[in-house]
PDB file of N, CA and C in Angstrom:
ATOM      1  N   MET A   1      60.226 139.686 112.664  1.00  0.00           N
ATOM      2  CA  MET A   1      59.331 138.645 113.034  1.00  0.00           C
ATOM      3  C   MET A   1      59.264 137.604 111.887  1.00  0.00           C
ATOM      4  N   SER A   2      59.516 136.364 112.267  1.00  0.00           N
ATOM      5  CA  SER A   2      59.494 135.274 111.263  1.00  0.00           C
ATOM      6  C   SER A   2      58.112 135.001 110.794  1.00  0.00           C
ATOM      7  N   GLU A   3      57.947 134.562 109.517  1.00  0.00           N
ATOM      8  CA  GLU A   3      56.599 134.282 109.064  1.00  0.00           C
ATOM      9  C   GLU A   3      56.140 132.928 109.538  1.00  0.00           C
ATOM     10  N   ILE A   4      54.952 132.726 109.904  1.00  0.00           N
ATOM     11  CA  ILE A   4      54.345 131.439 110.225  1.00  0.00           C
ATOM     12  C   ILE A   4      53.692 130.873 109.058  1.00  0.00           C
ATOM     13  N   THR A   5      54.155 129.760 108.480  1.00  0.00           N
ATOM     14  CA  THR A   5      53.668 129.264 107.274  1.00  0.00           C
ATOM     15  C   THR A   5      53.023 127.794 107.652  1.00  0.00           C
ATOM     16  N   LEU A   6      51.774 127.887 108.120  1.00  0.00           N
ATOM     17  CA  LEU A   6      51.138 126.624 108.580  1.00  0.00           C
ATOM     18  C   LEU A   6      49.705 126.698 108.008  1.00  0.00           C
ATOM     19  N   ARG A   7      49.235 125.540 107.689  1.00  0.00           N
ATOM     20  CA  ARG A   7      47.823 125.447 107.250  1.00  0.00           C
ATOM     21  C   ARG A   7      47.200 124.514 108.293  1.00  0.00           C
ATOM     22  N   LEU A   8      46.250 124.917 108.935  1.00  0.00           N
ATOM     23  CA  LEU A   8      45.541 124.043 109.942  1.00  0.00           C
ATOM     24  C   LEU A   8      44.498 123.196 109.126  1.00  0.00           C
ATOM     25  N   SER A   9      44.349 121.977 109.513  1.00  0.00           N
ATOM     26  CA  SER A   9      43.502 121.079 108.877  1.00  0.00           C
ATOM     27  C   SER A   9      42.409 120.609 109.845  1.00  0.00           C
ATOM     28  N   ARG A  10      41.141 120.843 109.387  1.00  0.00           N
ATOM     29  CA  ARG A  10      40.047 120.299 110.251  1.00  0.00           C
ATOM     30  C   ARG A  10      39.786 118.867 110.004  1.00  0.00           C
ATOM     31  N   GLU A  11      40.340 118.258 108.953  1.00  0.00           N
ATOM     32  CA  GLU A  11      39.991 116.930 108.621  1.00  0.00           C
ATOM     33  C   GLU A  11      40.869 115.864 109.289  1.00  0.00           C
ATOM     34  N   THR A  12      41.911 116.295 109.961  1.00  0.00           N
ATOM     35  CA  THR A  12      42.792 115.281 110.565  1.00  0.00           C
ATOM     36  C   THR A  12      42.306 114.703 111.874  1.00  0.00           C
ATOM     37  N   GLY A  13      41.403 115.327 112.541  1.00  0.00           N
ATOM     38  CA  GLY A  13      40.900 114.838 113.872  1.00  0.00           C
ATOM     39  C   GLY A  13      41.753 115.405 114.971  1.00  0.00           C
ATOM     40  N   VAL A  14      42.905 116.040 114.638  1.00  0.00           N
ATOM     41  CA  VAL A  14      43.736 116.697 115.678  1.00  0.00           C
ATOM     42  C   VAL A  14      43.249 118.100 115.952  1.00  0.00           C
ATOM     43  N   PRO A  15      42.985 118.464 117.221  1.00  0.00           N
ATOM     44  CA  PRO A  15      42.437 119.796 117.388  1.00  0.00           C
ATOM     45  C   PRO A  15      43.348 120.871 116.868  1.00  0.00           C
ATOM     46  N   LEU A  16      42.699 121.991 116.385  1.00  0.00           N
ATOM     47  CA  LEU A  16      43.493 123.039 115.754  1.00  0.00           C
ATOM     48  C   LEU A  16      44.551 123.572 116.690  1.00  0.00           C
ATOM     49  N   PHE A  17      44.184 123.841 117.964  1.00  0.00           N
ATOM     50  CA  PHE A  17      45.274 124.432 118.860  1.00  0.00           C
ATOM     51  C   PHE A  17      46.411 123.591 119.014  1.00  0.00           C
ATOM     52  N   GLU A  18      46.164 122.212 119.008  1.00  0.00           N
ATOM     53  CA  GLU A  18      47.260 121.244 119.129  1.00  0.00           C
ATOM     54  C   GLU A  18      48.205 121.309 117.804  1.00  0.00           C
ATOM     55  N   GLN A  19      47.557 121.422 116.718  1.00  0.00           N
ATOM     56  CA  GLN A  19      48.400 121.477 115.470  1.00  0.00           C
ATOM     57  C   GLN A  19      49.237 122.775 115.534  1.00  0.00           C
ATOM     58  N   LEU A  20      48.711 123.905 115.951  1.00  0.00           N
ATOM     59  CA  LEU A  20      49.442 125.099 116.008  1.00  0.00           C
ATOM     60  C   LEU A  20      50.534 124.982 117.080  1.00  0.00           C
ATOM     61  N   TYR A  21      50.154 124.381 118.288  1.00  0.00           N
ATOM     62  CA  TYR A  21      51.133 124.164 119.404  1.00  0.00           C
ATOM     63  C   TYR A  21      52.349 123.338 118.937  1.00  0.00           C
ATOM     64  N   GLU A  22      52.070 122.204 118.211  1.00  0.00           N
ATOM     65  CA  GLU A  22      53.131 121.311 117.757  1.00  0.00           C
ATOM     66  C   GLU A  22      54.123 122.015 116.825  1.00  0.00           C
ATOM     67  N   PHE A  23      53.444 122.766 115.847  1.00  0.00           N
ATOM     68  CA  PHE A  23      54.182 123.512 114.831  1.00  0.00           C
ATOM     69  C   PHE A  23      55.040 124.559 115.529  1.00  0.00           C
ATOM     70  N   MET A  24      54.494 125.323 116.389  1.00  0.00           N
ATOM     71  CA  MET A  24      55.277 126.420 117.038  1.00  0.00           C
ATOM     72  C   MET A  24      56.385 125.859 117.889  1.00  0.00           C
ATOM     73  N   LYS A  25      56.128 124.784 118.673  1.00  0.00           N
ATOM     74  CA  LYS A  25      57.127 124.159 119.472  1.00  0.00           C
ATOM     75  C   LYS A  25      58.313 123.706 118.572  1.00  0.00           C
ATOM     76  N   ALA A  26      57.948 122.992 117.474  1.00  0.00           N
ATOM     77  CA  ALA A  26      59.043 122.449 116.604  1.00  0.00           C
ATOM     78  C   ALA A  26      59.907 123.665 115.970  1.00  0.00           C
ATOM     79  N   GLU A  27      59.154 124.677 115.580  1.00  0.00           N
ATOM     80  CA  GLU A  27      59.863 125.893 115.018  1.00  0.00           C
ATOM     81  C   GLU A  27      60.871 126.538 116.046  1.00  0.00           C
ATOM     82  N   ILE A  28      60.345 126.557 117.245  1.00  0.00           N
ATOM     83  CA  ILE A  28      61.154 127.177 118.390  1.00  0.00           C
ATOM     84  C   ILE A  28      62.471 126.389 118.585  1.00  0.00           C
ATOM     85  N   ILE A  29      62.230 125.004 118.729  1.00  0.00           N
ATOM     86  CA  ILE A  29      63.406 124.077 119.049  1.00  0.00           C
ATOM     87  C   ILE A  29      64.334 124.067 117.890  1.00  0.00           C
ATOM     88  N   SER A  30      63.820 124.186 116.679  1.00  0.00           N
ATOM     89  CA  SER A  30      64.737 124.073 115.456  1.00  0.00           C
ATOM     90  C   SER A  30      65.478 125.445 115.247  1.00  0.00           C
ATOM     91  N   GLY A  31      65.057 126.448 116.019  1.00  0.00           N
ATOM     92  CA  GLY A  31      65.744 127.689 115.891  1.00  0.00           C
ATOM     93  C   GLY A  31      65.245 128.623 114.830  1.00  0.00           C
ATOM     94  N   HIS A  32      64.144 128.255 114.193  1.00  0.00           N
ATOM     95  CA  HIS A  32      63.485 129.089 113.230  1.00  0.00           C
ATOM     96  C   HIS A  32      63.009 130.428 113.771  1.00  0.00           C
ATOM     97  N   PHE A  33      62.661 130.407 115.066  1.00  0.00           N
ATOM     98  CA  PHE A  33      62.370 131.650 115.825  1.00  0.00           C
ATOM     99  C   PHE A  33      63.514 131.861 116.781  1.00  0.00           C
ATOM    100  N   SER A  34      64.070 133.098 116.804  1.00  0.00           N
ATOM    101  CA  SER A  34      65.137 133.279 117.680  1.00  0.00           C
ATOM    102  C   SER A  34      64.691 133.738 119.075  1.00  0.00           C
ATOM    103  N   SER A  35      65.574 133.647 120.030  1.00  0.00           N
ATOM    104  CA  SER A  35      65.226 134.011 121.394  1.00  0.00           C
ATOM    105  C   SER A  35      64.799 135.508 121.448  1.00  0.00           C
ATOM    106  N   ASN A  36      63.846 135.753 122.321  1.00  0.00           N
ATOM    107  CA  ASN A  36      63.257 137.070 122.565  1.00  0.00           C
ATOM    108  C   ASN A  36      62.570 137.622 121.301  1.00  0.00           C
ATOM    109  N   GLU A  37      62.348 136.831 120.258  1.00  0.00           N
ATOM    110  CA  GLU A  37      61.648 137.278 119.011  1.00  0.00           C
ATOM    111  C   GLU A  37      60.102 137.454 119.488  1.00  0.00           C
ATOM    112  N   ARG A  38      59.567 138.507 118.931  1.00  0.00           N
ATOM    113  CA  ARG A  38      58.239 138.820 119.262  1.00  0.00           C
ATOM    114  C   ARG A  38      57.307 137.965 118.174  1.00  0.00           C
ATOM    115  N   LEU A  39      56.348 137.314 118.652  1.00  0.00           N
ATOM    116  CA  LEU A  39      55.419 136.527 117.834  1.00  0.00           C
ATOM    117  C   LEU A  39      54.235 137.360 117.459  1.00  0.00           C
ATOM    118  N   PRO A  40      53.510 137.034 116.337  1.00  0.00           N
ATOM    119  CA  PRO A  40      52.334 137.760 116.001  1.00  0.00           C
ATOM    120  C   PRO A  40      51.263 137.791 117.091  1.00  0.00           C
ATOM    121  N   SER A  41      50.536 138.848 117.113  1.00  0.00           N
ATOM    122  CA  SER A  41      49.409 138.932 118.202  1.00  0.00           C
ATOM    123  C   SER A  41      48.430 137.785 117.874  1.00  0.00           C
ATOM    124  N   LYS A  42      47.680 137.522 118.992  1.00  0.00           N
ATOM    125  CA  LYS A  42      46.624 136.340 118.834  1.00  0.00           C
ATOM    126  C   LYS A  42      45.650 136.804 117.800  1.00  0.00           C
ATOM    127  N   ARG A  43      45.298 138.014 117.697  1.00  0.00           N
ATOM    128  CA  ARG A  43      44.341 138.507 116.687  1.00  0.00           C
ATOM    129  C   ARG A  43      44.842 138.297 115.350  1.00  0.00           C
ATOM    130  N   LYS A  44      46.089 138.722 115.004  1.00  0.00           N
ATOM    131  CA  LYS A  44      46.739 138.658 113.673  1.00  0.00           C
ATOM    132  C   LYS A  44      46.889 137.306 113.280  1.00  0.00           C
ATOM    133  N   LEU A  45      47.370 136.435 114.175  1.00  0.00           N
ATOM    134  CA  LEU A  45      47.737 135.084 113.812  1.00  0.00           C
ATOM    135  C   LEU A  45      46.381 134.276 113.539  1.00  0.00           C
ATOM    136  N   ALA A  46      45.342 134.592 114.324  1.00  0.00           N
ATOM    137  CA  ALA A  46      44.063 133.945 114.050  1.00  0.00           C
ATOM    138  C   ALA A  46      43.472 134.331 112.735  1.00  0.00           C
ATOM    139  N   ALA A  47      43.653 135.642 112.403  1.00  0.00           N
ATOM    140  CA  ALA A  47      43.205 136.018 111.066  1.00  0.00           C
ATOM    141  C   ALA A  47      43.993 135.372 109.916  1.00  0.00           C
ATOM    142  N   ASP A  48      45.338 135.260 110.107  1.00  0.00           N
ATOM    143  CA  ASP A  48      46.211 134.682 109.048  1.00  0.00           C
ATOM    144  C   ASP A  48      45.868 133.278 108.924  1.00  0.00           C
ATOM    145  N   LEU A  49      45.589 132.458 110.010  1.00  0.00           N
ATOM    146  CA  LEU A  49      45.379 131.097 109.975  1.00  0.00           C
ATOM    147  C   LEU A  49      43.849 130.736 109.769  1.00  0.00           C
ATOM    148  N   GLN A  50      42.970 131.699 109.820  1.00  0.00           N
ATOM    149  CA  GLN A  50      41.592 131.591 109.573  1.00  0.00           C
ATOM    150  C   GLN A  50      41.052 130.603 110.627  1.00  0.00           C
ATOM    151  N   CYS A  51      41.364 130.935 111.986  1.00  0.00           N
ATOM    152  CA  CYS A  51      40.841 130.242 113.091  1.00  0.00           C
ATOM    153  C   CYS A  51      40.456 131.182 114.205  1.00  0.00           C
ATOM    154  N   SER A  52      39.982 130.744 115.250  1.00  0.00           N
ATOM    155  CA  SER A  52      39.506 131.587 116.354  1.00  0.00           C
ATOM    156  C   SER A  52      40.676 132.176 117.208  1.00  0.00           C
ATOM    157  N   ARG A  53      40.555 133.221 117.854  1.00  0.00           N
ATOM    158  CA  ARG A  53      41.606 133.679 118.819  1.00  0.00           C
ATOM    159  C   ARG A  53      41.788 132.710 119.915  1.00  0.00           C
ATOM    160  N   ASN A  54      40.701 132.051 120.343  1.00  0.00           N
ATOM    161  CA  ASN A  54      40.762 131.093 121.398  1.00  0.00           C
ATOM    162  C   ASN A  54      41.712 129.932 121.032  1.00  0.00           C
ATOM    163  N   THR A  55      41.763 129.508 119.714  1.00  0.00           N
ATOM    164  CA  THR A  55      42.664 128.459 119.263  1.00  0.00           C
ATOM    165  C   THR A  55      44.185 128.995 119.418  1.00  0.00           C
ATOM    166  N   VAL A  56      44.401 130.215 118.963  1.00  0.00           N
ATOM    167  CA  VAL A  56      45.780 130.695 119.152  1.00  0.00           C
ATOM    168  C   VAL A  56      46.169 130.958 120.642  1.00  0.00           C
ATOM    169  N   GLU A  57      45.134 131.344 121.356  1.00  0.00           N
ATOM    170  CA  GLU A  57      45.412 131.592 122.736  1.00  0.00           C
ATOM    171  C   GLU A  57      45.717 130.277 123.467  1.00  0.00           C
ATOM    172  N   ALA A  58      45.011 129.205 123.196  1.00  0.00           N
ATOM    173  CA  ALA A  58      45.275 127.935 123.827  1.00  0.00           C
ATOM    174  C   ALA A  58      46.704 127.421 123.452  1.00  0.00           C
ATOM    175  N   ALA A  59      47.064 127.569 122.251  1.00  0.00           N
ATOM    176  CA  ALA A  59      48.437 127.136 121.814  1.00  0.00           C
ATOM    177  C   ALA A  59      49.520 128.012 122.505  1.00  0.00           C
ATOM    178  N   TYR A  60      49.316 129.336 122.430  1.00  0.00           N
ATOM    179  CA  TYR A  60      50.332 130.174 123.136  1.00  0.00           C
ATOM    180  C   TYR A  60      50.419 129.826 124.562  1.00  0.00           C
ATOM    181  N   ASN A  61      49.264 129.748 125.249  1.00  0.00           N
ATOM    182  CA  ASN A  61      49.296 129.465 126.678  1.00  0.00           C
ATOM    183  C   ASN A  61      49.999 128.102 127.070  1.00  0.00           C
ATOM    184  N   GLN A  62      49.832 127.124 126.262  1.00  0.00           N
ATOM    185  CA  GLN A  62      50.464 125.862 126.455  1.00  0.00           C
ATOM    186  C   GLN A  62      52.006 126.021 126.327  1.00  0.00           C
ATOM    187  N   LEU A  63      52.375 126.741 125.329  1.00  0.00           N
ATOM    188  CA  LEU A  63      53.854 127.057 125.053  1.00  0.00           C
ATOM    189  C   LEU A  63      54.442 127.961 126.214  1.00  0.00           C
ATOM    190  N   VAL A  64      53.645 128.798 126.724  1.00  0.00           N
ATOM    191  CA  VAL A  64      54.099 129.587 127.930  1.00  0.00           C
ATOM    192  C   VAL A  64      54.221 128.580 129.127  1.00  0.00           C
ATOM    193  N   ASP A  65      53.240 127.804 129.343  1.00  0.00           N
ATOM    194  CA  ASP A  65      53.288 126.857 130.511  1.00  0.00           C
ATOM    195  C   ASP A  65      54.476 125.890 130.356  1.00  0.00           C
ATOM    196  N   GLU A  66      54.940 125.564 129.225  1.00  0.00           N
ATOM    197  CA  GLU A  66      56.063 124.741 129.034  1.00  0.00           C
ATOM    198  C   GLU A  66      57.415 125.343 128.919  1.00  0.00           C
ATOM    199  N   GLY A  67      57.359 126.743 128.919  1.00  0.00           N
ATOM    200  CA  GLY A  67      58.651 127.444 129.000  1.00  0.00           C
ATOM    201  C   GLY A  67      59.194 127.898 127.722  1.00  0.00           C
ATOM    202  N   TYR A  68      58.398 127.601 126.602  1.00  0.00           N
ATOM    203  CA  TYR A  68      58.912 127.964 125.239  1.00  0.00           C
ATOM    204  C   TYR A  68      58.595 129.467 124.874  1.00  0.00           C
ATOM    205  N   LEU A  69      57.601 130.005 125.476  1.00  0.00           N
ATOM    206  CA  LEU A  69      57.297 131.436 125.263  1.00  0.00           C
ATOM    207  C   LEU A  69      57.164 132.150 126.566  1.00  0.00           C
ATOM    208  N   ILE A  70      57.385 133.460 126.432  1.00  0.00           N
ATOM    209  CA  ILE A  70      57.155 134.365 127.606  1.00  0.00           C
ATOM    210  C   ILE A  70      56.063 135.327 127.163  1.00  0.00           C
ATOM    211  N   SER A  71      55.109 135.543 128.145  1.00  0.00           N
ATOM    212  CA  SER A  71      54.062 136.498 127.887  1.00  0.00           C
ATOM    213  C   SER A  71      54.358 137.805 128.663  1.00  0.00           C
ATOM    214  N   ARG A  72      54.342 138.896 127.938  1.00  0.00           N
ATOM    215  CA  ARG A  72      54.607 140.158 128.572  1.00  0.00           C
ATOM    216  C   ARG A  72      53.312 140.976 128.458  1.00  0.00           C
ATOM    217  N   ALA A  73      52.745 141.394 129.580  1.00  0.00           N
ATOM    218  CA  ALA A  73      51.592 142.162 129.583  1.00  0.00           C
ATOM    219  C   ALA A  73      51.536 143.348 128.715  1.00  0.00           C
ATOM    220  N   LYS A  74      50.557 143.472 127.917  1.00  0.00           N
ATOM    221  CA  LYS A  74      50.356 144.706 127.016  1.00  0.00           C
ATOM    222  C   LYS A  74      51.540 144.780 125.963  1.00  0.00           C
ATOM    223  N   SER A  75      52.233 143.813 125.805  1.00  0.00           N
ATOM    224  CA  SER A  75      53.288 143.740 124.822  1.00  0.00           C
ATOM    225  C   SER A  75      53.248 142.598 123.852  1.00  0.00           C
ATOM    226  N   GLY A  76      52.886 141.411 124.296  1.00  0.00           N
ATOM    227  CA  GLY A  76      52.694 140.228 123.529  1.00  0.00           C
ATOM    228  C   GLY A  76      53.488 139.049 123.917  1.00  0.00           C
ATOM    229  N   TYR A  77      53.681 138.132 123.099  1.00  0.00           N
ATOM    230  CA  TYR A  77      54.430 136.846 123.355  1.00  0.00           C
ATOM    231  C   TYR A  77      55.704 136.890 122.697  1.00  0.00           C
ATOM    232  N   TYR A  78      56.730 136.420 123.409  1.00  0.00           N
ATOM    233  CA  TYR A  78      58.065 136.387 122.882  1.00  0.00           C
ATOM    234  C   TYR A  78      58.691 134.971 123.170  1.00  0.00           C
ATOM    235  N   VAL A  79      59.602 134.613 122.297  1.00  0.00           N
ATOM    236  CA  VAL A  79      60.288 133.271 122.370  1.00  0.00           C
ATOM    237  C   VAL A  79      61.194 133.362 123.547  1.00  0.00           C
ATOM    238  N   ALA A  80      61.123 132.260 124.402  1.00  0.00           N
ATOM    239  CA  ALA A  80      61.986 132.262 125.645  1.00  0.00           C
ATOM    240  C   ALA A  80      63.395 131.820 125.260  1.00  0.00           C
ATOM    241  N   GLU A  81      64.338 132.115 126.084  1.00  0.00           N
ATOM    242  CA  GLU A  81      65.709 131.799 125.937  1.00  0.00           C
ATOM    243  C   GLU A  81      65.790 130.207 126.318  1.00  0.00           C
ATOM    244  N   LEU A  82      66.201 129.435 125.368  1.00  0.00           N
ATOM    245  CA  LEU A  82      66.260 127.966 125.595  1.00  0.00           C
ATOM    246  C   LEU A  82      67.614 127.417 125.805  1.00  0.00           C
ATOM    247  N   ASP A  83      68.644 128.257 125.713  1.00  0.00           N
ATOM    248  CA  ASP A  83      69.954 127.657 125.778  1.00  0.00           C
ATOM    249  C   ASP A  83      70.118 126.993 127.159  1.00  0.00           C
ATOM    250  N   GLY A  84      70.631 125.697 127.093  1.00  0.00           N
ATOM    251  CA  GLY A  84      70.892 125.019 128.323  1.00  0.00           C
ATOM    252  C   GLY A  84      69.610 124.135 128.642  1.00  0.00           C
ATOM    253  N   VAL A  85      68.437 124.531 128.358  1.00  0.00           N
ATOM    254  CA  VAL A  85      67.221 123.762 128.649  1.00  0.00           C
ATOM    255  C   VAL A  85      67.161 122.554 127.710  1.00  0.00           C
ATOM    256  N   LEU A  86      67.419 122.830 126.460  1.00  0.00           N
ATOM    257  CA  LEU A  86      67.226 121.665 125.470  1.00  0.00           C
ATOM    258  C   LEU A  86      68.505 120.768 125.541  1.00  0.00           C
ATOM    259  N   SER A  87      69.678 121.303 125.929  1.00  0.00           N
ATOM    260  CA  SER A  87      70.807 120.465 126.048  1.00  0.00           C
ATOM    261  C   SER A  87      70.774 119.477 127.217  1.00  0.00           C
ATOM    262  N   ILE A  88      69.910 119.762 128.239  1.00  0.00           N
ATOM    263  CA  ILE A  88      69.836 118.838 129.323  1.00  0.00           C
ATOM    264  C   ILE A  88      69.340 117.331 128.811  1.00  0.00           C
ATOM    265  N   ASP A  89      68.316 117.403 127.946  1.00  0.00           N
ATOM    266  CA  ASP A  89      67.784 116.158 127.410  1.00  0.00           C
ATOM    267  C   ASP A  89      68.786 115.377 126.633  1.00  0.00           C
ATOM    268  N   ARG A  90      69.625 116.208 125.832  1.00  0.00           N
ATOM    269  CA  ARG A  90      70.539 115.571 124.975  1.00  0.00           C
ATOM    270  C   ARG A  90      71.759 114.990 125.747  1.00  0.00           C
ATOM    271  N   ALA A  91      72.038 115.507 126.925  1.00  0.00           N
ATOM    272  CA  ALA A  91      73.181 115.105 127.759  1.00  0.00           C
ATOM    273  C   ALA A  91      72.898 113.857 128.539  1.00  0.00           C
ATOM    274  N   ARG A  92      71.512 113.555 128.639  1.00  0.00           N
ATOM    275  CA  ARG A  92      71.113 112.427 129.456  1.00  0.00           C
ATOM    276  C   ARG A  92      71.662 111.134 128.883  1.00  0.00           C
ATOM    277  N   PRO A  93      72.243 110.233 129.673  1.00  0.00           N
ATOM    278  CA  PRO A  93      72.719 109.058 129.098  1.00  0.00           C
ATOM    279  C   PRO A  93      71.583 108.142 128.851  1.00  0.00           C
ATOM    280  N   PRO A  94      71.752 107.269 127.758  1.00  0.00           N
ATOM    281  CA  PRO A  94      70.617 106.373 127.319  1.00  0.00           C
ATOM    282  C   PRO A  94      70.245 105.373 128.470  1.00  0.00           C
ATOM    283  N   ALA A  95      68.942 105.129 128.542  1.00  0.00           N
ATOM    284  CA  ALA A  95      68.390 104.227 129.568  1.00  0.00           C
ATOM    285  C   ALA A  95      68.885 102.813 129.085  1.00  0.00           C
ATOM    286  N   GLU A  96      69.172 102.044 130.251  1.00  0.00           N
ATOM    287  CA  GLU A  96      69.540 100.656 129.936  1.00  0.00           C
ATOM    288  C   GLU A  96      68.458  99.690 130.258  1.00  0.00           C
TER     289      GLU A  96
END
């Protein structure tokens, strides 16, 4: 399991769940997290980031909704297989 090195800032005006969502999305796209890698539980990540479980759950749920994560009942959250999905945007010709 890769370590999540993020500091959430309450001073930026950006909601905490959105900061976590953007960070996780960028880490997944960049390949820092590998496909099918298990992510920390909501409880553990909330404790590590010193935020509420609702914050982590909101970020995880958004990533699931967008296809970056897979939620497995009673098992946790896993990074989705993105091969082919990200290359679609790259293959699109530039708009004229």
